[in-house]
Amino acid sequence: MRETMGVRERLNRNPRLAAIVVAALLLIAGVAVALQFSDGAHAAGMASDKAFFTIDDGATWFADDAAKIAPFQHDGKEAVRAYVFECNGKRFVNHLERFTPEGHKAAEAAIKANQSRQPADVAAQVRLSGAEVKRPGAKLWASLGDLTKSGPILRPRCPGGGGDAKPVEP
């Protein structure tokens, strides 16, 4: 009689398989969270061809074409994507997003290769490996694909605590 081996026993006996399973689960969770929070307007069901951007680390923001791949030059300064939320009647930038130079090139190539899709949606495909996020005022950017670092940044926090942060449409 052949003894059946449970999943746990199989993973315990094969650490390489366990590592692959854990990595796959983290990637799936990271994709789900990043796609949900990386585009606050779409996560809330809003469809807009505009997005918010900032040139002063989120102190102020402006609306521009959502298809623009940040960073880009605006009024002689580097503009990055700003995710604006409202909490208790107050609007605030929860986090900023930009593509790395490599990610910027990959997003541009994806858009050129797939003209039938919305540029912002195509760029979203390369966000996990080529974009980084940070809170306004923070010095360091975190890779969007590194869920342990980017996950807490992507979760909206109401200034002063309390309340339910809702994304603002440009």
Protein backbone atom coordinates (compact mmCIF):
# COMPACT_ATOMS: atom_id res chain seq x y z
CA MET A 1 0.00 0.00 0.00
CA ARG A 2 1.34 3.37 -1.05
CA GLU A 3 1.33 6.03 1.60
CA THR A 4 0.11 9.42 0.41
CA MET A 5 2.21 12.37 1.40
CA GLY A 6 0.51 15.60 2.48
CA VAL A 7 1.46 18.98 1.13
CA ARG A 8 3.19 19.95 4.35
CA GLU A 9 5.33 16.80 4.41
CA ARG A 10 6.23 17.25 0.74
CA LEU A 11 7.31 20.85 1.35
CA ASN A 12 9.28 19.86 4.47
CA ARG A 13 11.18 17.22 2.48
CA ASN A 14 11.86 19.52 -0.47
CA PRO A 15 13.02 22.99 0.67
CA ARG A 16 13.52 24.15 -2.93
CA LEU A 17 9.88 23.38 -3.75
CA ALA A 18 8.82 25.16 -0.56
CA ALA A 19 10.79 28.25 -1.58
CA ILE A 20 9.16 28.24 -5.02
CA VAL A 21 5.67 27.90 -3.53
CA VAL A 22 6.30 30.72 -1.04
CA ALA A 23 7.74 32.97 -3.76
CA ALA A 24 4.75 32.30 -6.02
CA LEU A 25 2.29 33.08 -3.22
CA LEU A 26 4.13 36.31 -2.34
CA LEU A 27 4.16 37.34 -5.99
CA ILE A 28 0.43 36.72 -6.34
CA ALA A 29 -0.29 38.66 -3.14
CA GLY A 30 2.02 41.46 -4.23
CA VAL A 31 0.37 41.77 -7.62
CA ALA A 32 -3.08 41.87 -6.03
CA VAL A 33 -2.14 44.53 -3.49
CA ALA A 34 -0.09 46.61 -5.91
CA LEU A 35 -2.78 46.63 -8.56
CA GLN A 36 -5.42 47.50 -6.00
CA PHE A 37 -3.53 50.37 -4.40
CA SER A 38 -1.13 51.55 -7.11
CA ASP A 39 -3.96 53.25 -8.95
CA GLY A 40 -6.30 54.62 -6.30
CA ALA A 41 -8.82 56.01 -8.78
CA HIS A 42 -9.27 52.73 -10.62
CA ALA A 43 -9.35 50.74 -7.37
CA ALA A 44 -12.32 52.82 -6.29
CA GLY A 45 -14.07 52.24 -9.59
CA MET A 46 -13.36 55.68 -11.04
CA ALA A 47 -12.27 55.83 -14.65
CA SER A 48 -10.39 58.96 -15.55
CA ASP A 49 -7.97 59.93 -18.28
CA LYS A 50 -6.35 62.31 -15.78
CA ALA A 51 -4.07 61.64 -12.83
CA PHE A 52 -2.45 63.75 -10.15
CA PHE A 53 1.25 64.62 -10.26
CA THR A 54 3.55 66.72 -8.06
CA ILE A 55 6.86 68.55 -8.48
CA ASP A 56 7.32 69.39 -4.79
CA ASP A 57 7.15 66.05 -2.97
CA GLY A 58 3.37 66.18 -2.59
CA ALA A 59 3.04 69.63 -1.03
CA THR A 60 0.95 70.63 -4.06
CA TRP A 61 -0.39 68.63 -6.97
CA PHE A 62 -1.82 69.13 -10.44
CA ALA A 63 -3.90 67.04 -12.84
CA ASP A 64 -2.41 65.92 -16.15
CA ASP A 65 -2.76 63.12 -18.68
CA ALA A 66 -2.85 59.75 -16.87
CA ALA A 67 -0.94 58.22 -19.78
CA LYS A 68 2.19 60.18 -18.85
CA ILE A 69 4.94 58.00 -17.45
CA ALA A 70 6.51 59.59 -14.38
CA PRO A 71 8.99 60.99 -13.89
CA PHE A 72 8.69 63.64 -16.58
CA GLN A 73 9.61 67.30 -16.82
CA HIS A 74 6.98 69.86 -15.79
CA ASP A 75 7.83 73.55 -15.41
CA GLY A 76 11.52 72.63 -15.41
CA LYS A 77 11.18 70.20 -12.51
CA GLU A 78 10.74 66.45 -12.21
CA ALA A 79 7.09 65.47 -11.83
CA VAL A 80 6.05 62.19 -10.19
CA ARG A 81 2.63 60.60 -9.78
CA ALA A 82 0.74 61.68 -6.64
CA TYR A 83 -2.04 59.56 -5.13
CA VAL A 84 -4.49 62.00 -3.56
CA PHE A 85 -7.02 60.92 -0.95
CA GLU A 86 -9.60 62.68 1.18
CA CYS A 87 -10.18 62.02 4.84
CA ASN A 88 -12.53 63.96 7.13
CA GLY A 89 -12.87 66.65 4.45
CA LYS A 90 -9.10 67.12 4.06
CA ARG A 91 -7.23 66.18 0.87
CA PHE A 92 -3.71 64.81 1.12
CA VAL A 93 -1.11 62.96 -0.91
CA ASN A 94 -0.75 59.48 0.53
CA HIS A 95 2.14 58.37 -1.65
CA LEU A 96 4.20 59.19 -4.71
CA GLU A 97 5.13 56.90 -7.58
CA ARG A 98 7.78 57.01 -10.27
CA PHE A 99 9.39 54.59 -12.66
CA THR A 100 13.07 53.75 -12.46
CA PRO A 101 15.01 54.57 -15.65
CA GLU A 102 14.78 50.90 -16.66
CA GLY A 103 11.08 50.76 -15.79
CA HIS A 104 10.44 53.97 -17.74
CA LYS A 105 12.01 52.41 -20.85
CA ALA A 106 10.04 49.18 -20.36
CA ALA A 107 6.76 51.09 -19.97
CA GLU A 108 7.44 53.11 -23.12
CA ALA A 109 8.29 49.93 -25.04
CA ALA A 110 5.11 48.20 -23.79
CA ILE A 111 2.99 51.14 -24.90
CA LYS A 112 4.60 51.22 -28.36
CA ALA A 113 4.22 47.44 -28.76
CA ASN A 114 0.56 47.45 -27.79
CA GLN A 115 -1.11 50.50 -29.33
CA SER A 116 -4.63 49.10 -28.86
CA ARG A 117 -4.53 49.39 -25.04
CA GLN A 118 -4.71 52.40 -22.81
CA PRO A 119 -1.14 53.56 -22.14
CA ALA A 120 -1.74 53.72 -18.37
CA ASP A 121 -2.95 50.09 -18.35
CA VAL A 122 0.05 48.88 -20.35
CA ALA A 123 2.40 50.77 -18.04
CA ALA A 124 0.72 49.03 -15.09
CA GLN A 125 2.05 45.72 -16.41
CA VAL A 126 5.62 46.81 -15.75
CA ARG A 127 4.92 48.66 -12.49
CA LEU A 128 5.82 45.79 -10.20
CA SER A 129 9.35 45.49 -11.53
CA GLY A 130 9.97 49.04 -12.68
CA ALA A 131 8.18 51.43 -10.34
CA GLU A 132 8.95 52.70 -6.88
CA VAL A 133 6.88 54.47 -4.24
CA LYS A 134 7.38 56.59 -1.15
CA ARG A 135 5.42 58.75 1.24
CA PRO A 136 5.80 62.52 0.91
CA GLY A 137 8.77 63.66 2.97
CA ALA A 138 10.46 60.25 2.95
CA LYS A 139 13.99 60.14 1.58
CA LEU A 140 14.05 56.57 0.26
CA TRP A 141 11.90 55.07 -2.49
CA ALA A 142 10.71 51.44 -2.21
CA SER A 143 10.28 49.09 -5.16
CA LEU A 144 6.58 48.55 -5.84
CA GLY A 145 7.33 44.85 -6.27
CA ASP A 146 8.78 44.59 -2.74
CA LEU A 147 5.52 44.17 -0.87
CA THR A 148 7.15 44.20 2.56
CA LYS A 149 8.32 47.76 1.93
CA SER A 150 5.72 49.10 -0.52
CA GLY A 151 2.61 47.56 1.08
CA PRO A 152 2.54 49.85 4.13
CA ILE A 153 3.25 52.88 1.91
CA LEU A 154 0.34 52.07 -0.43
CA ARG A 155 -2.22 51.79 2.39
CA PRO A 156 -3.85 55.20 2.82
CA ARG A 157 -3.41 56.73 6.28
CA CYS A 158 -5.60 59.61 7.32
CA PRO A 159 -3.55 62.52 8.72
CA GLY A 160 -4.00 62.57 12.48
CA GLY A 161 -5.44 59.04 12.40
CA GLY A 162 -9.05 57.98 12.31
CA GLY A 163 -11.48 58.18 9.44
CA ASP A 164 -11.73 56.37 6.15
CA ALA A 165 -9.46 57.63 3.35
CA LYS A 166 -11.14 57.76 -0.05
CA PRO A 167 -9.30 58.32 -3.37
CA VAL A 168 -9.90 61.65 -5.09
CA GLU A 169 -10.52 61.79 -8.82
CA PRO A 170 -8.68 64.49 -10.78
